[in-house]
Structures are given as C-alpha cells and as structure tokens.
Amino acid sequence: DGKRTDKRFILFAGNLPLDTKAEDLKAFFKNKLQPRIVEVRMLTHRETNKPKGCAFVEFDCKEALEIALNYHHRELGGRKINIELSAGGGGNSKRRRDKISKKNAQLRKRRQKKVKAVKKSAEKTKPSGESK
C-alpha cells in the first residue's frame, strides 16, 4: 500500500569521496549484494550546498541492512568508507545520540567477535609445524 512502517532500516555512510552521488552509493551496494534500497540521502552543507562526504541509506528490510553493514571499510572511489548504524528521525537530541551510540557499540562488539572467530579458525587450520 506504499505506507511507511514505524520500523526503518537506516545506516550512515561516511568518509565518502566528495564527488559521490546517490547513484554511486546505490551502485556500490547493488553491484555487490543487491539489497533493497528505499532511499539515499546525501548530506550537504546548508550555506554552500557542497557535499559533506556522508549519506544516510535506507533499506526496506533488516536483512539488507545487516548485509550492508559488512561493507564497513570497503573501498569506494579510492577511500575506505565507514558504514555505521543510525536512527531515523534526524535531529541532534541527546536521546538520539545515545541511541545511535548504543547501537554502534553493539555493532563494534559483533565485528570484534567476528574477527576473533576468523582468527581462531585460521589458527586451527595452520599446519602443525608452523609457529603462531
């Protein structure tokens, strides 16, 4: 029916090359994992309308957002971009900042856990004569 639900799946993309367009960011995700992007909002400076090098990307489901989070520190236009969780609604209230901070702390823990699991797996697969 085209109505937007209360639950929104938004991430923040930062450290983007300043010449990045919404279409470039869509292609970055679509060419790699085909998520369902609802909207890309490129941020600009109010006074100059020049790009800030960051954007909000909204997906239509949690699964697509989770997959997109795996592209943190992948390269786009020669730069390692940051992919972080965000919270819808805009503004800069303390409550919103706290919510985003909490979400990103949980995301960092999941990423660290994943790295440890990969390292542990790599340790197990080393030949027995190889030193650690």
C-alpha atoms as a PDB file:
ATOM      1  CA  ASP A   1       0.000   0.000   0.000  1.00  0.00           C
ATOM      2  CA  GLY A   2       3.064   2.266  -0.074  1.00  0.00           C
ATOM      3  CA  LYS A   3       2.761   3.342   3.558  1.00  0.00           C
ATOM      4  CA  ARG A   4       5.981   3.586   5.529  1.00  0.00           C
ATOM      5  CA  THR A   5       6.147   1.438   8.663  1.00  0.00           C
ATOM      6  CA  ASP A   6       7.374   2.686  12.028  1.00  0.00           C
ATOM      7  CA  LYS A   7      10.418   0.432  11.740  1.00  0.00           C
ATOM      8  CA  ARG A   8      13.077   1.923   9.478  1.00  0.00           C
ATOM      9  CA  PHE A   9      16.395   0.369   8.490  1.00  0.00           C
ATOM     10  CA  ILE A  10      18.892   3.196   8.069  1.00  0.00           C
ATOM     11  CA  LEU A  11      22.666   3.242   8.040  1.00  0.00           C
ATOM     12  CA  PHE A  12      25.168   6.068   7.922  1.00  0.00           C
ATOM     13  CA  ALA A  13      27.872   6.038   5.252  1.00  0.00           C
ATOM     14  CA  GLY A  14      30.833   8.299   5.965  1.00  0.00           C
ATOM     15  CA  ASN A  15      34.257   9.196   4.551  1.00  0.00           C
ATOM     16  CA  LEU A  16      32.751   9.210   1.067  1.00  0.00           C
ATOM     17  CA  PRO A  17      34.646  10.891  -1.764  1.00  0.00           C
ATOM     18  CA  LEU A  18      33.151  14.379  -2.119  1.00  0.00           C
ATOM     19  CA  ASP A  19      32.111  13.716  -5.709  1.00  0.00           C
ATOM     20  CA  THR A  20      29.996  10.676  -4.724  1.00  0.00           C
ATOM     21  CA  LYS A  21      26.417  10.849  -5.974  1.00  0.00           C
ATOM     22  CA  ALA A  22      23.421   8.911  -4.630  1.00  0.00           C
ATOM     23  CA  GLU A  23      23.570   6.707  -7.746  1.00  0.00           C
ATOM     24  CA  ASP A  24      27.226   5.841  -6.984  1.00  0.00           C
ATOM     25  CA  LEU A  25      26.333   4.754  -3.474  1.00  0.00           C
ATOM     26  CA  LYS A  26      23.378   2.694  -4.729  1.00  0.00           C
ATOM     27  CA  ALA A  27      25.671   1.012  -7.264  1.00  0.00           C
ATOM     28  CA  PHE A  28      28.260   0.319  -4.541  1.00  0.00           C
ATOM     29  CA  PHE A  29      25.710  -1.768  -2.649  1.00  0.00           C
ATOM     30  CA  LYS A  30      23.634  -3.104  -5.552  1.00  0.00           C
ATOM     31  CA  ASN A  31      26.579  -4.372  -7.582  1.00  0.00           C
ATOM     32  CA  LYS A  32      27.796  -6.368  -4.619  1.00  0.00           C
ATOM     33  CA  LEU A  33      24.767  -7.677  -2.743  1.00  0.00           C
ATOM     34  CA  GLN A  34      21.501  -6.493  -4.304  1.00  0.00           C
ATOM     35  CA  PRO A  35      19.845  -5.069  -1.173  1.00  0.00           C
ATOM     36  CA  ARG A  36      16.591  -3.254  -1.497  1.00  0.00           C
ATOM     37  CA  ILE A  37      17.395   0.435  -1.109  1.00  0.00           C
ATOM     38  CA  VAL A  38      14.443   2.686  -0.301  1.00  0.00           C
ATOM     39  CA  GLU A  39      16.311   5.998  -0.325  1.00  0.00           C
ATOM     40  CA  VAL A  40      19.787   7.550  -0.301  1.00  0.00           C
ATOM     41  CA  ARG A  41      20.118  10.998   1.290  1.00  0.00           C
ATOM     42  CA  MET A  42      23.430  12.703   0.521  1.00  0.00           C
ATOM     43  CA  LEU A  43      24.316  15.315   3.145  1.00  0.00           C
ATOM     44  CA  THR A  44      25.374  18.809   2.091  1.00  0.00           C
ATOM     45  CA  HIS A  45      26.452  21.985   3.877  1.00  0.00           C
ATOM     46  CA  ARG A  46      23.477  24.340   4.260  1.00  0.00           C
ATOM     47  CA  GLU A  47      25.303  27.517   3.287  1.00  0.00           C
ATOM     48  CA  THR A  48      27.235  26.219   0.274  1.00  0.00           C
ATOM     49  CA  ASN A  49      25.212  23.153  -0.737  1.00  0.00           C
ATOM     50  CA  LYS A  50      28.579  21.366  -1.158  1.00  0.00           C
ATOM     51  CA  PRO A  51      28.767  17.655  -0.242  1.00  0.00           C
ATOM     52  CA  LYS A  52      29.803  16.675   3.281  1.00  0.00           C
ATOM     53  CA  GLY A  53      31.108  13.266   2.205  1.00  0.00           C
ATOM     54  CA  CYS A  54      28.433  11.310   4.017  1.00  0.00           C
ATOM     55  CA  ALA A  55      24.944   9.960   3.491  1.00  0.00           C
ATOM     56  CA  PHE A  56      22.065   8.040   5.008  1.00  0.00           C
ATOM     57  CA  VAL A  57      20.974   4.899   3.204  1.00  0.00           C
ATOM     58  CA  GLU A  58      17.588   3.376   3.981  1.00  0.00           C
ATOM     59  CA  PHE A  59      16.741  -0.252   3.224  1.00  0.00           C
ATOM     60  CA  ASP A  60      13.344  -1.915   3.177  1.00  0.00           C
ATOM     61  CA  CYS A  61      14.306  -4.820   5.459  1.00  0.00           C
ATOM     62  CA  LYS A  62      16.626  -5.693   8.315  1.00  0.00           C
ATOM     63  CA  GLU A  63      18.375  -8.428   6.314  1.00  0.00           C
ATOM     64  CA  ALA A  64      19.541  -5.997   3.620  1.00  0.00           C
ATOM     65  CA  LEU A  65      20.787  -3.566   6.277  1.00  0.00           C
ATOM     66  CA  GLU A  66      22.701  -6.352   8.065  1.00  0.00           C
ATOM     67  CA  ILE A  67      24.388  -7.366   4.811  1.00  0.00           C
ATOM     68  CA  ALA A  68      25.251  -3.735   4.008  1.00  0.00           C
ATOM     69  CA  LEU A  69      26.928  -3.327   7.417  1.00  0.00           C
ATOM     70  CA  ASN A  70      29.504  -5.891   6.285  1.00  0.00           C
ATOM     71  CA  TYR A  71      30.805  -3.345   3.768  1.00  0.00           C
ATOM     72  CA  HIS A  72      32.348  -1.201   6.522  1.00  0.00           C
ATOM     73  CA  HIS A  73      35.854  -0.130   5.417  1.00  0.00           C
ATOM     74  CA  ARG A  74      35.372  -1.331   1.839  1.00  0.00           C
ATOM     75  CA  GLU A  75      36.739   0.976  -0.839  1.00  0.00           C
ATOM     76  CA  LEU A  76      34.656   3.424  -2.838  1.00  0.00           C
ATOM     77  CA  GLY A  77      36.363   5.923  -5.118  1.00  0.00           C
ATOM     78  CA  GLY A  78      39.751   5.250  -3.546  1.00  0.00           C
ATOM     79  CA  ARG A  79      38.565   5.775   0.052  1.00  0.00           C
ATOM     80  CA  LYS A  80      37.747   3.335   2.841  1.00  0.00           C
ATOM     81  CA  ILE A  81      34.199   4.228   3.732  1.00  0.00           C
ATOM     82  CA  ASN A  82      32.576   3.900   7.134  1.00  0.00           C
ATOM     83  CA  ILE A  83      29.264   2.093   7.421  1.00  0.00           C
ATOM     84  CA  GLU A  84      27.525   2.546  10.770  1.00  0.00           C
ATOM     85  CA  LEU A  85      24.053   2.127  12.196  1.00  0.00           C
ATOM     86  CA  SER A  86      21.839   5.173  12.508  1.00  0.00           C
ATOM     87  CA  ALA A  87      18.456   6.022  13.930  1.00  0.00           C
ATOM     88  CA  GLY A  88      15.680   7.595  11.935  1.00  0.00           C
ATOM     89  CA  GLY A  89      14.146  10.905  12.822  1.00  0.00           C
ATOM     90  CA  GLY A  90      17.012  13.309  12.362  1.00  0.00           C
ATOM     91  CA  GLY A  91      17.976  15.948  14.831  1.00  0.00           C
ATOM     92  CA  ASN A  92      20.742  16.023  17.364  1.00  0.00           C
ATOM     93  CA  SER A  93      18.970  15.329  20.644  1.00  0.00           C
ATOM     94  CA  LYS A  94      20.821  13.613  23.480  1.00  0.00           C
ATOM     95  CA  ARG A  95      18.345  10.730  23.353  1.00  0.00           C
ATOM     96  CA  ARG A  96      19.006  10.168  19.636  1.00  0.00           C
ATOM     97  CA  ARG A  97      22.799  10.438  20.067  1.00  0.00           C
ATOM     98  CA  ASP A  98      22.651   7.939  22.946  1.00  0.00           C
ATOM     99  CA  LYS A  99      20.534   5.543  20.886  1.00  0.00           C
ATOM    100  CA  ILE A 100      22.976   5.683  17.955  1.00  0.00           C
ATOM    101  CA  SER A 101      25.959   5.331  20.279  1.00  0.00           C
ATOM    102  CA  LYS A 102      24.440   2.233  21.892  1.00  0.00           C
ATOM    103  CA  LYS A 103      23.615   0.655  18.513  1.00  0.00           C
ATOM    104  CA  ASN A 104      27.134   1.267  17.199  1.00  0.00           C
ATOM    105  CA  ALA A 105      28.748  -0.103  20.388  1.00  0.00           C
ATOM    106  CA  GLN A 106      26.775  -3.326  19.866  1.00  0.00           C
ATOM    107  CA  LEU A 107      27.835  -3.366  16.210  1.00  0.00           C
ATOM    108  CA  ARG A 108      31.515  -2.938  17.179  1.00  0.00           C
ATOM    109  CA  LYS A 109      31.201  -5.893  19.592  1.00  0.00           C
ATOM    110  CA  ARG A 110      29.702  -8.064  16.838  1.00  0.00           C
ATOM    111  CA  ARG A 111      32.500  -7.037  14.462  1.00  0.00           C
ATOM    112  CA  GLN A 112      35.171  -7.823  17.087  1.00  0.00           C
ATOM    113  CA  LYS A 113      33.564 -11.201  17.773  1.00  0.00           C
ATOM    114  CA  LYS A 114      33.585 -11.968  14.051  1.00  0.00           C
ATOM    115  CA  VAL A 115      37.289 -11.029  13.763  1.00  0.00           C
ATOM    116  CA  LYS A 116      38.162 -13.257  16.749  1.00  0.00           C
ATOM    117  CA  ALA A 117      36.243 -16.167  15.218  1.00  0.00           C
ATOM    118  CA  VAL A 118      38.080 -15.749  11.905  1.00  0.00           C
ATOM    119  CA  LYS A 119      41.458 -15.571  13.673  1.00  0.00           C
ATOM    120  CA  LYS A 120      40.626 -18.635  15.774  1.00  0.00           C
ATOM    121  CA  SER A 121      39.597 -20.532  12.658  1.00  0.00           C
ATOM    122  CA  ALA A 122      42.840 -19.506  10.934  1.00  0.00           C
ATOM    123  CA  GLU A 123      44.852 -20.742  13.936  1.00  0.00           C
ATOM    124  CA  LYS A 124      43.177 -24.159  13.730  1.00  0.00           C
ATOM    125  CA  THR A 125      43.948 -24.521  10.034  1.00  0.00           C
ATOM    126  CA  LYS A 126      47.693 -23.731  10.310  1.00  0.00           C
ATOM    127  CA  PRO A 127      49.978 -26.700   9.569  1.00  0.00           C
ATOM    128  CA  SER A 128      51.352 -28.234  12.788  1.00  0.00           C
ATOM    129  CA  GLY A 129      54.971 -27.248  12.018  1.00  0.00           C
ATOM    130  CA  GLU A 130      54.106 -23.560  11.587  1.00  0.00           C
ATOM    131  CA  SER A 131      54.657 -21.232  14.550  1.00  0.00           C
ATOM    132  CA  LYS A 132      51.916 -18.941  15.815  1.00  0.00           C
END
